PDB file of all heavy atoms in Angstrom:
ATOM      1  N   PHE A   1     -74.821  -5.563 -60.823  1.00  0.00           N
ATOM      2  CA  PHE A   1     -76.125  -5.255 -60.231  1.00  0.00           C
ATOM      3  C   PHE A   1     -77.041  -6.471 -60.158  1.00  0.00           C
ATOM      4  O   PHE A   1     -77.675  -6.733 -59.132  1.00  0.00           O
ATOM      5  CB  PHE A   1     -76.830  -4.138 -61.011  1.00  0.00           C
ATOM      6  CG  PHE A   1     -78.170  -3.792 -60.408  1.00  0.00           C
ATOM      7  CD1 PHE A   1     -78.242  -2.938 -59.333  1.00  0.00           C
ATOM      8  CD2 PHE A   1     -79.342  -4.362 -60.894  1.00  0.00           C
ATOM      9  CE1 PHE A   1     -79.463  -2.639 -58.742  1.00  0.00           C
ATOM     10  CE2 PHE A   1     -80.565  -4.078 -60.312  1.00  0.00           C
ATOM     11  CZ  PHE A   1     -80.622  -3.206 -59.237  1.00  0.00           C
ATOM     12  N   PHE A   2     -77.132  -7.222 -61.243  1.00  0.00           N
ATOM     13  CA  PHE A   2     -78.098  -8.313 -61.283  1.00  0.00           C
ATOM     14  C   PHE A   2     -77.728  -9.436 -60.300  1.00  0.00           C
ATOM     15  O   PHE A   2     -78.610 -10.025 -59.672  1.00  0.00           O
ATOM     16  CB  PHE A   2     -78.243  -8.851 -62.709  1.00  0.00           C
ATOM     17  CG  PHE A   2     -78.890  -7.866 -63.633  1.00  0.00           C
ATOM     18  CD1 PHE A   2     -78.127  -7.064 -64.470  1.00  0.00           C
ATOM     19  CD2 PHE A   2     -80.270  -7.727 -63.651  1.00  0.00           C
ATOM     20  CE1 PHE A   2     -78.731  -6.148 -65.316  1.00  0.00           C
ATOM     21  CE2 PHE A   2     -80.888  -6.811 -64.491  1.00  0.00           C
ATOM     22  CZ  PHE A   2     -80.110  -6.009 -65.320  1.00  0.00           C
ATOM     23  N   ASP A   3     -76.437  -9.714 -60.153  1.00  0.00           N
ATOM     24  CA  ASP A   3     -76.011 -10.695 -59.156  1.00  0.00           C
ATOM     25  C   ASP A   3     -76.211 -10.140 -57.747  1.00  0.00           C
ATOM     26  O   ASP A   3     -76.590 -10.866 -56.825  1.00  0.00           O
ATOM     27  CB  ASP A   3     -74.550 -11.082 -59.375  1.00  0.00           C
ATOM     28  CG  ASP A   3     -74.356 -11.872 -60.658  1.00  0.00           C
ATOM     29  OD1 ASP A   3     -75.243 -12.684 -60.990  1.00  0.00           O
ATOM     30  OD2 ASP A   3     -73.333 -11.683 -61.338  1.00  0.00           O
ATOM     31  N   GLY A   4     -75.953  -8.850 -57.590  1.00  0.00           N
ATOM     32  CA  GLY A   4     -76.170  -8.222 -56.291  1.00  0.00           C
ATOM     33  C   GLY A   4     -77.631  -8.218 -55.891  1.00  0.00           C
ATOM     34  O   GLY A   4     -77.966  -8.410 -54.714  1.00  0.00           O
ATOM     35  N   TYR A   5     -78.504  -8.028 -56.895  1.00  0.00           N
ATOM     36  CA  TYR A   5     -79.944  -8.041 -56.605  1.00  0.00           C
ATOM     37  C   TYR A   5     -80.383  -9.425 -56.119  1.00  0.00           C
ATOM     38  O   TYR A   5     -81.234  -9.537 -55.237  1.00  0.00           O
ATOM     39  CB  TYR A   5     -80.729  -7.636 -57.851  1.00  0.00           C
ATOM     40  CG  TYR A   5     -82.215  -7.509 -57.606  1.00  0.00           C
ATOM     41  CD1 TYR A   5     -82.751  -6.297 -57.171  1.00  0.00           C
ATOM     42  CD2 TYR A   5     -83.074  -8.585 -57.793  1.00  0.00           C
ATOM     43  CE1 TYR A   5     -84.115  -6.169 -56.929  1.00  0.00           C
ATOM     44  CE2 TYR A   5     -84.428  -8.473 -57.557  1.00  0.00           C
ATOM     45  CZ  TYR A   5     -84.942  -7.265 -57.127  1.00  0.00           C
ATOM     46  OH  TYR A   5     -86.300  -7.154 -56.883  1.00  0.00           O
ATOM     47  N   LYS A   6     -79.798 -10.473 -56.682  1.00  0.00           N
ATOM     48  CA  LYS A   6     -80.121 -11.831 -56.220  1.00  0.00           C
ATOM     49  C   LYS A   6     -79.763 -12.009 -54.752  1.00  0.00           C
ATOM     50  O   LYS A   6     -80.497 -12.623 -53.981  1.00  0.00           O
ATOM     51  CB  LYS A   6     -79.354 -12.865 -57.050  1.00  0.00           C
ATOM     52  CG  LYS A   6     -79.925 -13.165 -58.410  1.00  0.00           C
ATOM     53  CD  LYS A   6     -79.073 -14.232 -59.094  1.00  0.00           C
ATOM     54  CE  LYS A   6     -79.572 -14.515 -60.506  1.00  0.00           C
ATOM     55  NZ  LYS A   6     -78.704 -15.493 -61.206  1.00  0.00           N
ATOM     56  N   ALA A   7     -78.599 -11.462 -54.372  1.00  0.00           N
ATOM     57  CA  ALA A   7     -78.107 -11.653 -53.013  1.00  0.00           C
ATOM     58  C   ALA A   7     -78.847 -10.783 -52.003  1.00  0.00           C
ATOM     59  O   ALA A   7     -79.129 -11.224 -50.883  1.00  0.00           O
ATOM     60  CB  ALA A   7     -76.611 -11.348 -52.949  1.00  0.00           C
ATOM     61  N   ASN A   8     -79.167  -9.533 -52.420  1.00  0.00           N
ATOM     62  CA  ASN A   8     -79.797  -8.604 -51.482  1.00  0.00           C
ATOM     63  C   ASN A   8     -80.590  -7.554 -52.268  1.00  0.00           C
ATOM     64  O   ASN A   8     -80.070  -6.483 -52.560  1.00  0.00           O
ATOM     65  CB  ASN A   8     -78.738  -7.930 -50.598  1.00  0.00           C
ATOM     66  CG  ASN A   8     -79.346  -7.173 -49.431  1.00  0.00           C
ATOM     67  OD1 ASN A   8     -80.456  -6.673 -49.508  1.00  0.00           O
ATOM     68  ND2 ASN A   8     -78.594  -7.080 -48.334  1.00  0.00           N
ATOM     69  N   PRO A   9     -81.831  -7.833 -52.589  1.00  0.00           N
ATOM     70  CA  PRO A   9     -82.626  -6.914 -53.411  1.00  0.00           C
ATOM     71  C   PRO A   9     -82.773  -5.518 -52.804  1.00  0.00           C
ATOM     72  O   PRO A   9     -82.656  -4.513 -53.521  1.00  0.00           O
ATOM     73  CB  PRO A   9     -83.991  -7.611 -53.511  1.00  0.00           C
ATOM     74  CG  PRO A   9     -83.710  -9.046 -53.244  1.00  0.00           C
ATOM     75  CD  PRO A   9     -82.578  -9.070 -52.266  1.00  0.00           C
ATOM     76  N   ASP A  10     -83.020  -5.438 -51.511  1.00  0.00           N
ATOM     77  CA  ASP A  10     -83.223  -4.137 -50.866  1.00  0.00           C
ATOM     78  C   ASP A  10     -81.969  -3.265 -50.964  1.00  0.00           C
ATOM     79  O   ASP A  10     -82.051  -2.064 -51.241  1.00  0.00           O
ATOM     80  CB  ASP A  10     -83.617  -4.319 -49.396  1.00  0.00           C
ATOM     81  CG  ASP A  10     -85.001  -4.931 -49.246  1.00  0.00           C
ATOM     82  OD1 ASP A  10     -85.795  -4.820 -50.199  1.00  0.00           O
ATOM     83  OD2 ASP A  10     -85.273  -5.513 -48.181  1.00  0.00           O
ATOM     84  N   TYR A  11     -80.815  -3.879 -50.724  1.00  0.00           N
ATOM     85  CA  TYR A  11     -79.571  -3.114 -50.795  1.00  0.00           C
ATOM     86  C   TYR A  11     -79.288  -2.664 -52.225  1.00  0.00           C
ATOM     87  O   TYR A  11     -78.862  -1.531 -52.461  1.00  0.00           O
ATOM     88  CB  TYR A  11     -78.406  -3.945 -50.269  1.00  0.00           C
ATOM     89  CG  TYR A  11     -77.100  -3.199 -50.276  1.00  0.00           C
ATOM     90  CD1 TYR A  11     -76.817  -2.236 -49.318  1.00  0.00           C
ATOM     91  CD2 TYR A  11     -76.145  -3.444 -51.267  1.00  0.00           C
ATOM     92  CE1 TYR A  11     -75.627  -1.536 -49.335  1.00  0.00           C
ATOM     93  CE2 TYR A  11     -74.950  -2.758 -51.294  1.00  0.00           C
ATOM     94  CZ  TYR A  11     -74.691  -1.796 -50.313  1.00  0.00           C
ATOM     95  OH  TYR A  11     -73.509  -1.095 -50.340  1.00  0.00           O
ATOM     96  N   ALA A  12     -79.525  -3.544 -53.186  1.00  0.00           N
ATOM     97  CA  ALA A  12     -79.288  -3.195 -54.592  1.00  0.00           C
ATOM     98  C   ALA A  12     -80.165  -2.020 -55.010  1.00  0.00           C
ATOM     99  O   ALA A  12     -79.699  -1.083 -55.671  1.00  0.00           O
ATOM    100  CB  ALA A  12     -79.560  -4.403 -55.488  1.00  0.00           C
ATOM    101  N   LEU A  13     -81.426  -2.046 -54.606  1.00  0.00           N
ATOM    102  CA  LEU A  13     -82.331  -0.948 -54.951  1.00  0.00           C
ATOM    103  C   LEU A  13     -81.938   0.342 -54.235  1.00  0.00           C
ATOM    104  O   LEU A  13     -82.068   1.433 -54.793  1.00  0.00           O
ATOM    105  CB  LEU A  13     -83.770  -1.327 -54.607  1.00  0.00           C
ATOM    106  CG  LEU A  13     -84.404  -2.410 -55.484  1.00  0.00           C
ATOM    107  CD1 LEU A  13     -85.785  -2.786 -54.967  1.00  0.00           C
ATOM    108  CD2 LEU A  13     -84.490  -1.951 -56.940  1.00  0.00           C
ATOM    109  N   SER A  14     -81.447   0.211 -53.004  1.00  0.00           N
ATOM    110  CA  SER A  14     -81.033   1.410 -52.274  1.00  0.00           C
ATOM    111  C   SER A  14     -79.824   2.068 -52.944  1.00  0.00           C
ATOM    112  O   SER A  14     -79.678   3.296 -52.910  1.00  0.00           O
ATOM    113  CB  SER A  14     -80.708   1.069 -50.819  1.00  0.00           C
ATOM    114  OG  SER A  14     -79.507   0.331 -50.702  1.00  0.00           O
ATOM    115  N   CYS A  15     -78.966   1.272 -53.576  1.00  0.00           N
ATOM    116  CA  CYS A  15     -77.791   1.825 -54.274  1.00  0.00           C
ATOM    117  C   CYS A  15     -78.212   2.695 -55.452  1.00  0.00           C
ATOM    118  O   CYS A  15     -77.723   3.819 -55.621  1.00  0.00           O
ATOM    119  CB  CYS A  15     -76.886   0.693 -54.754  1.00  0.00           C
ATOM    120  SG  CYS A  15     -75.968  -0.134 -53.445  1.00  0.00           S
ATOM    121  N   VAL A  16     -79.121   2.178 -56.279  1.00  0.00           N
ATOM    122  CA  VAL A  16     -79.540   2.967 -57.445  1.00  0.00           C
ATOM    123  C   VAL A  16     -80.405   4.149 -57.013  1.00  0.00           C
ATOM    124  O   VAL A  16     -80.386   5.211 -57.650  1.00  0.00           O
ATOM    125  CB  VAL A  16     -80.277   2.094 -58.484  1.00  0.00           C
ATOM    126  CG1 VAL A  16     -79.315   1.064 -59.075  1.00  0.00           C
ATOM    127  CG2 VAL A  16     -81.480   1.387 -57.883  1.00  0.00           C
ATOM    128  N   GLU A  17     -81.146   3.998 -55.939  1.00  0.00           N
ATOM    129  CA  GLU A  17     -81.946   5.116 -55.410  1.00  0.00           C
ATOM    130  C   GLU A  17     -81.035   6.235 -54.918  1.00  0.00           C
ATOM    131  O   GLU A  17     -81.287   7.414 -55.176  1.00  0.00           O
ATOM    132  CB  GLU A  17     -82.831   4.625 -54.258  1.00  0.00           C
ATOM    133  CG  GLU A  17     -83.656   5.710 -53.585  1.00  0.00           C
ATOM    134  CD  GLU A  17     -84.766   6.244 -54.477  1.00  0.00           C
ATOM    135  OE1 GLU A  17     -85.227   5.498 -55.364  1.00  0.00           O
ATOM    136  OE2 GLU A  17     -85.159   7.406 -54.277  1.00  0.00           O
ATOM    137  N   THR A  18     -79.960   5.866 -54.241  1.00  0.00           N
ATOM    138  CA  THR A  18     -78.989   6.858 -53.768  1.00  0.00           C
ATOM    139  C   THR A  18     -78.327   7.574 -54.936  1.00  0.00           C
ATOM    140  O   THR A  18     -78.117   8.789 -54.903  1.00  0.00           O
ATOM    141  CB  THR A  18     -77.914   6.182 -52.896  1.00  0.00           C
ATOM    142  OG1 THR A  18     -78.545   5.568 -51.764  1.00  0.00           O
ATOM    143  CG2 THR A  18     -76.895   7.193 -52.398  1.00  0.00           C
ATOM    144  N   ALA A  19     -77.999   6.829 -55.985  1.00  0.00           N
ATOM    145  CA  ALA A  19     -77.396   7.439 -57.173  1.00  0.00           C
ATOM    146  C   ALA A  19     -78.345   8.437 -57.808  1.00  0.00           C
ATOM    147  O   ALA A  19     -77.937   9.530 -58.223  1.00  0.00           O
ATOM    148  CB  ALA A  19     -77.014   6.356 -58.175  1.00  0.00           C
ATOM    149  N   LYS A  20     -79.614   8.099 -57.869  1.00  0.00           N
ATOM    150  CA  LYS A  20     -80.613   9.022 -58.427  1.00  0.00           C
ATOM    151  C   LYS A  20     -80.710  10.284 -57.595  1.00  0.00           C
ATOM    152  O   LYS A  20     -80.698  11.405 -58.125  1.00  0.00           O
ATOM    153  CB  LYS A  20     -81.972   8.342 -58.503  1.00  0.00           C
ATOM    154  CG  LYS A  20     -83.052   9.188 -59.178  1.00  0.00           C
ATOM    155  CD  LYS A  20     -84.438   8.629 -58.968  1.00  0.00           C
ATOM    156  CE  LYS A  20     -84.961   9.014 -57.594  1.00  0.00           C
ATOM    157  NZ  LYS A  20     -86.406   8.715 -57.440  1.00  0.00           N
ATOM    158  N   GLU A  21     -80.785  10.116 -56.269  1.00  0.00           N
ATOM    159  CA  GLU A  21     -80.913  11.274 -55.376  1.00  0.00           C
ATOM    160  C   GLU A  21     -79.674  12.159 -55.418  1.00  0.00           C
ATOM    161  O   GLU A  21     -79.761  13.368 -55.201  1.00  0.00           O
ATOM    162  CB  GLU A  21     -81.158  10.793 -53.945  1.00  0.00           C
ATOM    163  CG  GLU A  21     -82.520  10.136 -53.744  1.00  0.00           C
ATOM    164  CD  GLU A  21     -82.705   9.594 -52.344  1.00  0.00           C
ATOM    165  OE1 GLU A  21     -81.722   9.636 -51.560  1.00  0.00           O
ATOM    166  OE2 GLU A  21     -83.821   9.138 -52.032  1.00  0.00           O
ATOM    167  N   ALA A  22     -78.512  11.560 -55.731  1.00  0.00           N
ATOM    168  CA  ALA A  22     -77.266  12.326 -55.807  1.00  0.00           C
ATOM    169  C   ALA A  22     -77.119  13.066 -57.129  1.00  0.00           C
ATOM    170  O   ALA A  22     -76.171  13.828 -57.309  1.00  0.00           O
ATOM    171  CB  ALA A  22     -76.074  11.402 -55.587  1.00  0.00           C
ATOM    172  N   GLY A  23     -78.033  12.833 -58.083  1.00  0.00           N
ATOM    173  CA  GLY A  23     -78.004  13.586 -59.325  1.00  0.00           C
ATOM    174  C   GLY A  23     -77.720  12.811 -60.586  1.00  0.00           C
ATOM    175  O   GLY A  23     -77.664  13.389 -61.671  1.00  0.00           O
ATOM    176  N   ALA A  24     -77.533  11.500 -60.484  1.00  0.00           N
ATOM    177  CA  ALA A  24     -77.310  10.710 -61.699  1.00  0.00           C
ATOM    178  C   ALA A  24     -78.552  10.754 -62.577  1.00  0.00           C
ATOM    179  O   ALA A  24     -79.670  10.600 -62.088  1.00  0.00           O
ATOM    180  CB  ALA A  24     -76.975   9.266 -61.337  1.00  0.00           C
ATOM    181  N   THR A  25     -78.360  10.993 -63.870  1.00  0.00           N
ATOM    182  CA  THR A  25     -79.490  11.066 -64.799  1.00  0.00           C
ATOM    183  C   THR A  25     -79.699   9.757 -65.550  1.00  0.00           C
ATOM    184  O   THR A  25     -80.736   9.562 -66.170  1.00  0.00           O
ATOM    185  CB  THR A  25     -79.274  12.195 -65.819  1.00  0.00           C
ATOM    186  OG1 THR A  25     -78.034  11.988 -66.502  1.00  0.00           O
ATOM    187  CG2 THR A  25     -79.242  13.549 -65.127  1.00  0.00           C
ATOM    188  N   ARG A  26     -78.703   8.876 -65.490  1.00  0.00           N
ATOM    189  CA  ARG A  26     -78.824   7.565 -66.126  1.00  0.00           C
ATOM    190  C   ARG A  26     -78.261   6.500 -65.185  1.00  0.00           C
ATOM    191  O   ARG A  26     -77.154   6.643 -64.680  1.00  0.00           O
ATOM    192  CB  ARG A  26     -78.103   7.521 -67.477  1.00  0.00           C
ATOM    193  CG  ARG A  26     -78.716   8.474 -68.505  1.00  0.00           C
ATOM    194  CD  ARG A  26     -77.926   8.503 -69.797  1.00  0.00           C
ATOM    195  NE  ARG A  26     -78.470   9.517 -70.692  1.00  0.00           N
ATOM    196  CZ  ARG A  26     -79.028   9.263 -71.874  1.00  0.00           C
ATOM    197  NH1 ARG A  26     -79.110   8.019 -72.317  1.00  0.00           N
ATOM    198  NH2 ARG A  26     -79.487  10.241 -72.622  1.00  0.00           N
ATOM    199  N   ILE A  27     -79.040   5.454 -64.970  1.00  0.00           N
ATOM    200  CA  ILE A  27     -78.627   4.342 -64.121  1.00  0.00           C
ATOM    201  C   ILE A  27     -78.420   3.132 -65.019  1.00  0.00           C
ATOM    202  O   ILE A  27     -79.361   2.647 -65.647  1.00  0.00           O
ATOM    203  CB  ILE A  27     -79.686   4.014 -63.057  1.00  0.00           C
ATOM    204  CG1 ILE A  27     -80.062   5.253 -62.250  1.00  0.00           C
ATOM    205  CG2 ILE A  27     -79.201   2.879 -62.166  1.00  0.00           C
ATOM    206  CD1 ILE A  27     -78.985   5.767 -61.347  1.00  0.00           C
ATOM    207  N   ILE A  28     -77.170   2.660 -65.132  1.00  0.00           N
ATOM    208  CA  ILE A  28     -76.851   1.558 -66.016  1.00  0.00           C
ATOM    209  C   ILE A  28     -76.770   0.271 -65.196  1.00  0.00           C
ATOM    210  O   ILE A  28     -75.913   0.139 -64.312  1.00  0.00           O
ATOM    211  CB  ILE A  28     -75.512   1.782 -66.752  1.00  0.00           C
ATOM    212  CG1 ILE A  28     -75.414   3.217 -67.295  1.00  0.00           C
ATOM    213  CG2 ILE A  28     -75.344   0.753 -67.850  1.00  0.00           C
ATOM    214  CD1 ILE A  28     -76.525   3.607 -68.248  1.00  0.00           C
ATOM    215  N   LEU A  29     -77.644  -0.671 -65.479  1.00  0.00           N
ATOM    216  CA  LEU A  29     -77.654  -1.950 -64.777  1.00  0.00           C
ATOM    217  C   LEU A  29     -76.716  -2.914 -65.490  1.00  0.00           C
ATOM    218  O   LEU A  29     -76.865  -3.151 -66.696  1.00  0.00           O
ATOM    219  CB  LEU A  29     -79.078  -2.517 -64.729  1.00  0.00           C
ATOM    220  CG  LEU A  29     -80.162  -1.556 -64.211  1.00  0.00           C
ATOM    221  CD1 LEU A  29     -81.523  -2.243 -64.223  1.00  0.00           C
ATOM    222  CD2 LEU A  29     -79.821  -1.041 -62.823  1.00  0.00           C
ATOM    223  N   CYS A  30     -75.770  -3.468 -64.756  1.00  0.00           N
ATOM    224  CA  CYS A  30     -74.720  -4.277 -65.385  1.00  0.00           C
ATOM    225  C   CYS A  30     -74.835  -5.754 -65.023  1.00  0.00           C
ATOM    226  O   CYS A  30     -74.922  -6.103 -63.845  1.00  0.00           O
ATOM    227  CB  CYS A  30     -73.345  -3.777 -64.951  1.00  0.00           C
ATOM    228  SG  CYS A  30     -73.033  -2.032 -65.319  1.00  0.00           S
ATOM    229  N   ASP A  31     -74.832  -6.583 -66.054  1.00  0.00           N
ATOM    230  CA  ASP A  31     -74.679  -8.034 -65.859  1.00  0.00           C
ATOM    231  C   ASP A  31     -73.200  -8.327 -66.068  1.00  0.00           C
ATOM    232  O   ASP A  31     -72.792  -8.855 -67.106  1.00  0.00           O
ATOM    233  CB  ASP A  31     -75.552  -8.804 -66.847  1.00  0.00           C
ATOM    234  CG  ASP A  31     -75.482 -10.312 -66.627  1.00  0.00           C
ATOM    235  OD1 ASP A  31     -75.163 -10.717 -65.490  1.00  0.00           O
ATOM    236  OD2 ASP A  31     -75.732 -11.067 -67.574  1.00  0.00           O
ATOM    237  N   THR A  32     -72.405  -7.948 -65.086  1.00  0.00           N
ATOM    238  CA  THR A  32     -70.946  -7.935 -65.230  1.00  0.00           C
ATOM    239  C   THR A  32     -70.371  -9.318 -65.481  1.00  0.00           C
ATOM    240  O   THR A  32     -69.412  -9.482 -66.242  1.00  0.00           O
ATOM    241  CB  THR A  32     -70.309  -7.315 -63.975  1.00  0.00           C
ATOM    242  OG1 THR A  32     -70.954  -6.072 -63.684  1.00  0.00           O
ATOM    243  CG2 THR A  32     -68.834  -7.055 -64.186  1.00  0.00           C
ATOM    244  N   ASN A  33     -70.926 -10.335 -64.851  1.00  0.00           N
ATOM    245  CA  ASN A  33     -70.425 -11.698 -65.051  1.00  0.00           C
ATOM    246  C   ASN A  33     -71.009 -12.364 -66.288  1.00  0.00           C
ATOM    247  O   ASN A  33     -70.555 -13.442 -66.687  1.00  0.00           O
ATOM    248  CB  ASN A  33     -70.734 -12.570 -63.825  1.00  0.00           C
ATOM    249  CG  ASN A  33     -69.858 -12.224 -62.643  1.00  0.00           C
ATOM    250  OD1 ASN A  33     -68.745 -11.747 -62.817  1.00  0.00           O
ATOM    251  ND2 ASN A  33     -70.357 -12.447 -61.442  1.00  0.00           N
ATOM    252  N   GLY A  34     -72.025 -11.759 -66.882  1.00  0.00           N
ATOM    253  CA  GLY A  34     -72.647 -12.347 -68.060  1.00  0.00           C
ATOM    254  C   GLY A  34     -73.292 -13.690 -67.778  1.00  0.00           C
ATOM    255  O   GLY A  34     -73.350 -14.559 -68.647  1.00  0.00           O
ATOM    256  N   SER A  35     -73.810 -13.847 -66.560  1.00  0.00           N
ATOM    257  CA  SER A  35     -74.278 -15.174 -66.142  1.00  0.00           C
ATOM    258  C   SER A  35     -75.795 -15.306 -66.069  1.00  0.00           C
ATOM    259  O   SER A  35     -76.312 -16.385 -65.779  1.00  0.00           O
ATOM    260  CB  SER A  35     -73.700 -15.506 -64.763  1.00  0.00           C
ATOM    261  OG  SER A  35     -74.101 -14.534 -63.801  1.00  0.00           O
ATOM    262  N   ASN A  36     -76.516 -14.217 -66.317  1.00  0.00           N
ATOM    263  CA  ASN A  36     -77.968 -14.249 -66.126  1.00  0.00           C
ATOM    264  C   ASN A  36     -78.721 -14.445 -67.435  1.00  0.00           C
ATOM    265  O   ASN A  36     -78.189 -14.199 -68.524  1.00  0.00           O
ATOM    266  CB  ASN A  36     -78.421 -12.962 -65.438  1.00  0.00           C
ATOM    267  CG  ASN A  36     -77.911 -12.875 -64.013  1.00  0.00           C
ATOM    268  OD1 ASN A  36     -78.351 -13.607 -63.139  1.00  0.00           O
ATOM    269  ND2 ASN A  36     -76.960 -11.979 -63.774  1.00  0.00           N
ATOM    270  N   LEU A  37     -79.982 -14.872 -67.309  1.00  0.00           N
ATOM    271  CA  LEU A  37     -80.813 -15.154 -68.474  1.00  0.00           C
ATOM    272  C   LEU A  37     -81.870 -14.062 -68.661  1.00  0.00           C
ATOM    273  O   LEU A  37     -82.160 -13.277 -67.758  1.00  0.00           O
ATOM    274  CB  LEU A  37     -81.475 -16.521 -68.327  1.00  0.00           C
ATOM    275  CG  LEU A  37     -80.507 -17.702 -68.161  1.00  0.00           C
ATOM    276  CD1 LEU A  37     -81.291 -19.000 -68.056  1.00  0.00           C
ATOM    277  CD2 LEU A  37     -79.496 -17.763 -69.298  1.00  0.00           C
ATOM    278  N   SER A  38     -82.457 -14.057 -69.845  1.00  0.00           N
ATOM    279  CA  SER A  38     -83.268 -12.921 -70.277  1.00  0.00           C
ATOM    280  C   SER A  38     -84.511 -12.679 -69.427  1.00  0.00           C
ATOM    281  O   SER A  38     -84.873 -11.524 -69.180  1.00  0.00           O
ATOM    282  CB  SER A  38     -83.675 -13.110 -71.742  1.00  0.00           C
ATOM    283  OG  SER A  38     -82.528 -13.192 -72.562  1.00  0.00           O
ATOM    284  N   ASN A  39     -85.188 -13.727 -68.991  1.00  0.00           N
ATOM    285  CA  ASN A  39     -86.399 -13.502 -68.207  1.00  0.00           C
ATOM    286  C   ASN A  39     -86.086 -12.801 -66.889  1.00  0.00           C
ATOM    287  O   ASN A  39     -86.850 -11.949 -66.422  1.00  0.00           O
ATOM    288  CB  ASN A  39     -87.143 -14.827 -67.970  1.00  0.00           C
ATOM    289  CG  ASN A  39     -86.311 -15.850 -67.227  1.00  0.00           C
ATOM    290  OD1 ASN A  39     -85.082 -15.792 -67.258  1.00  0.00           O
ATOM    291  ND2 ASN A  39     -86.969 -16.787 -66.559  1.00  0.00           N
ATOM    292  N   TYR A  40     -84.951 -13.157 -66.289  1.00  0.00           N
ATOM    293  CA  TYR A  40     -84.535 -12.509 -65.041  1.00  0.00           C
ATOM    294  C   TYR A  40     -84.147 -11.058 -65.301  1.00  0.00           C
ATOM    295  O   TYR A  40     -84.513 -10.165 -64.536  1.00  0.00           O
ATOM    296  CB  TYR A  40     -83.364 -13.280 -64.429  1.00  0.00           C
ATOM    297  CG  TYR A  40     -82.773 -12.638 -63.201  1.00  0.00           C
ATOM    298  CD1 TYR A  40     -83.475 -12.616 -62.002  1.00  0.00           C
ATOM    299  CD2 TYR A  40     -81.506 -12.055 -63.236  1.00  0.00           C
ATOM    300  CE1 TYR A  40     -82.932 -12.020 -60.870  1.00  0.00           C
ATOM    301  CE2 TYR A  40     -80.960 -11.458 -62.118  1.00  0.00           C
ATOM    302  CZ  TYR A  40     -81.676 -11.447 -60.941  1.00  0.00           C
ATOM    303  OH  TYR A  40     -81.130 -10.854 -59.819  1.00  0.00           O
ATOM    304  N   ILE A  41     -83.397 -10.805 -66.362  1.00  0.00           N
ATOM    305  CA  ILE A  41     -82.998  -9.440 -66.718  1.00  0.00           C
ATOM    306  C   ILE A  41     -84.235  -8.569 -66.936  1.00  0.00           C
ATOM    307  O   ILE A  41     -84.313  -7.432 -66.450  1.00  0.00           O
ATOM    308  CB  ILE A  41     -82.119  -9.440 -67.990  1.00  0.00           C
ATOM    309  CG1 ILE A  41     -80.828 -10.234 -67.758  1.00  0.00           C
ATOM    310  CG2 ILE A  41     -81.825  -8.012 -68.448  1.00  0.00           C
ATOM    311  CD1 ILE A  41     -79.852  -9.609 -66.803  1.00  0.00           C
ATOM    312  N   TYR A  42     -85.207  -9.098 -67.654  1.00  0.00           N
ATOM    313  CA  TYR A  42     -86.449  -8.368 -67.922  1.00  0.00           C
ATOM    314  C   TYR A  42     -87.163  -8.009 -66.616  1.00  0.00           C
ATOM    315  O   TYR A  42     -87.555  -6.863 -66.392  1.00  0.00           O
ATOM    316  CB  TYR A  42     -87.368  -9.205 -68.809  1.00  0.00           C
ATOM    317  CG  TYR A  42     -88.775  -8.673 -68.927  1.00  0.00           C
ATOM    318  CD1 TYR A  42     -89.085  -7.656 -69.837  1.00  0.00           C
ATOM    319  CD2 TYR A  42     -89.795  -9.177 -68.121  1.00  0.00           C
ATOM    320  CE1 TYR A  42     -90.377  -7.155 -69.933  1.00  0.00           C
ATOM    321  CE2 TYR A  42     -91.089  -8.691 -68.221  1.00  0.00           C
ATOM    322  CZ  TYR A  42     -91.379  -7.689 -69.120  1.00  0.00           C
ATOM    323  OH  TYR A  42     -92.661  -7.192 -69.212  1.00  0.00           O
ATOM    324  N   ASN A  43     -87.338  -8.997 -65.744  1.00  0.00           N
ATOM    325  CA  ASN A  43     -88.090  -8.782 -64.507  1.00  0.00           C
ATOM    326  C   ASN A  43     -87.407  -7.769 -63.592  1.00  0.00           C
ATOM    327  O   ASN A  43     -88.061  -6.878 -63.027  1.00  0.00           O
ATOM    328  CB  ASN A  43     -88.277 -10.110 -63.762  1.00  0.00           C
ATOM    329  CG  ASN A  43     -89.247 -11.036 -64.473  1.00  0.00           C
ATOM    330  OD1 ASN A  43     -90.163 -10.588 -65.147  1.00  0.00           O
ATOM    331  ND2 ASN A  43     -89.042 -12.346 -64.332  1.00  0.00           N
ATOM    332  N   VAL A  44     -86.089  -7.882 -63.443  1.00  0.00           N
ATOM    333  CA  VAL A  44     -85.370  -6.975 -62.548  1.00  0.00           C
ATOM    334  C   VAL A  44     -85.348  -5.551 -63.111  1.00  0.00           C
ATOM    335  O   VAL A  44     -85.515  -4.573 -62.374  1.00  0.00           O
ATOM    336  CB  VAL A  44     -83.940  -7.494 -62.291  1.00  0.00           C
ATOM    337  CG1 VAL A  44     -83.143  -6.473 -61.475  1.00  0.00           C
ATOM    338  CG2 VAL A  44     -83.987  -8.819 -61.553  1.00  0.00           C
TER     339      VAL A  44
END
């Protein structure tokens, strides 16, 4: 998610919005590559 948000913020937000509308009760944001730093994680 966090790398995807860097590349395309609108699309990344639309993905989690769609998941919410489809009934997901928890949205887990993943730093899958482990490449981001804390200030960016906090802000996003």
